[in-house]
Amino acid sequence: MVRAVMRILSGIQPSGEPHLGNYFGAIEQHLRLQNEGDALYFIADYHALTTVHDAQTLRDLTVDVAATYLSLGLDPSKCTFFRQCDVPEVTELTWLLSVVTGMGLLERAHSYKDKIARGISPSVGLFTYPALMAADILIYKSNLVPVGQDQVQHVEIAQDMAQSFNAAFKCEVLVRPESRLSKTPKVPGTDGAKNVEELWQRDPDFCARKTTEKDCGVHCDRLQRLHQRAARSDNVQGVCALRTVRKRR
């Protein structure tokens, strides 16, 4: 029996303070799609453990993400909003997927190579990150996964894993998901080269902190242009709320 309503699923990792890159790359699309199907959005706290190991910090970041989404207009009456760890079965499916997945598929993951290049310690969790993300997607039989440009390959990996699982166990259990990019799938950082999310995680106070007069002027000018672009969006109040949540601390 075919489900009449499209199931939409996406998550956001609480590994840093929310920023404009999150808004344009993910949140804006999530808010719009909550009116177009059976939307499930989760805070990916399991994923955040690859970089955040302090329990209180993770709790605070999780609250920040929840507050940001709700202040920007996410309506719990229209979608399901939850923490990844509230569904521990996702880790069981991760193992089941891993036993039918070749090493080569994970070794080709761009995000893993990128994080290693940036000096992040190559833990097993970081390497198997795509398997957990695939489990996140497949366990809910998701049809559509709204993502940024850097996550498209992970949805493709989930497609491959679903096919491998169904073939290995001779059953059509897992549904093939499809990705959808936002209108702004990649938001450049203020340095013009890095993704803004990467830049903000590396130094969240880069513009607020006093550097040289020249550097501060360049950073603030570029940020001002980002804010002006945000002000032209359909959710002006939401963008203001995003800034307020960032400044709360």
Foldseek 3Di string as FASTA:
>chain_A
DDDPFAEEEEEAELQAADDLLCVQWPLVVLQVCLVRGAYEYEHELVLNCLPDDDPVSSVVSRVLVVQLSVQLPDDCVSYHYYYPVVCVCLVVQLVLLVVLDDLVLLVPQPVLVVVVVVPRDNDPCSSSVLSSVLSSQFVVLHAEYEGAPSCQSSLVSSQVSQVSSCVVVVHNRTHRYHYDTGPPRFDAPLVRHHTVVVVCSVPVCVQVDDDPPVVNVSNVVSVVVSLVVCCPDPRNSSVVSSVCSSVVD
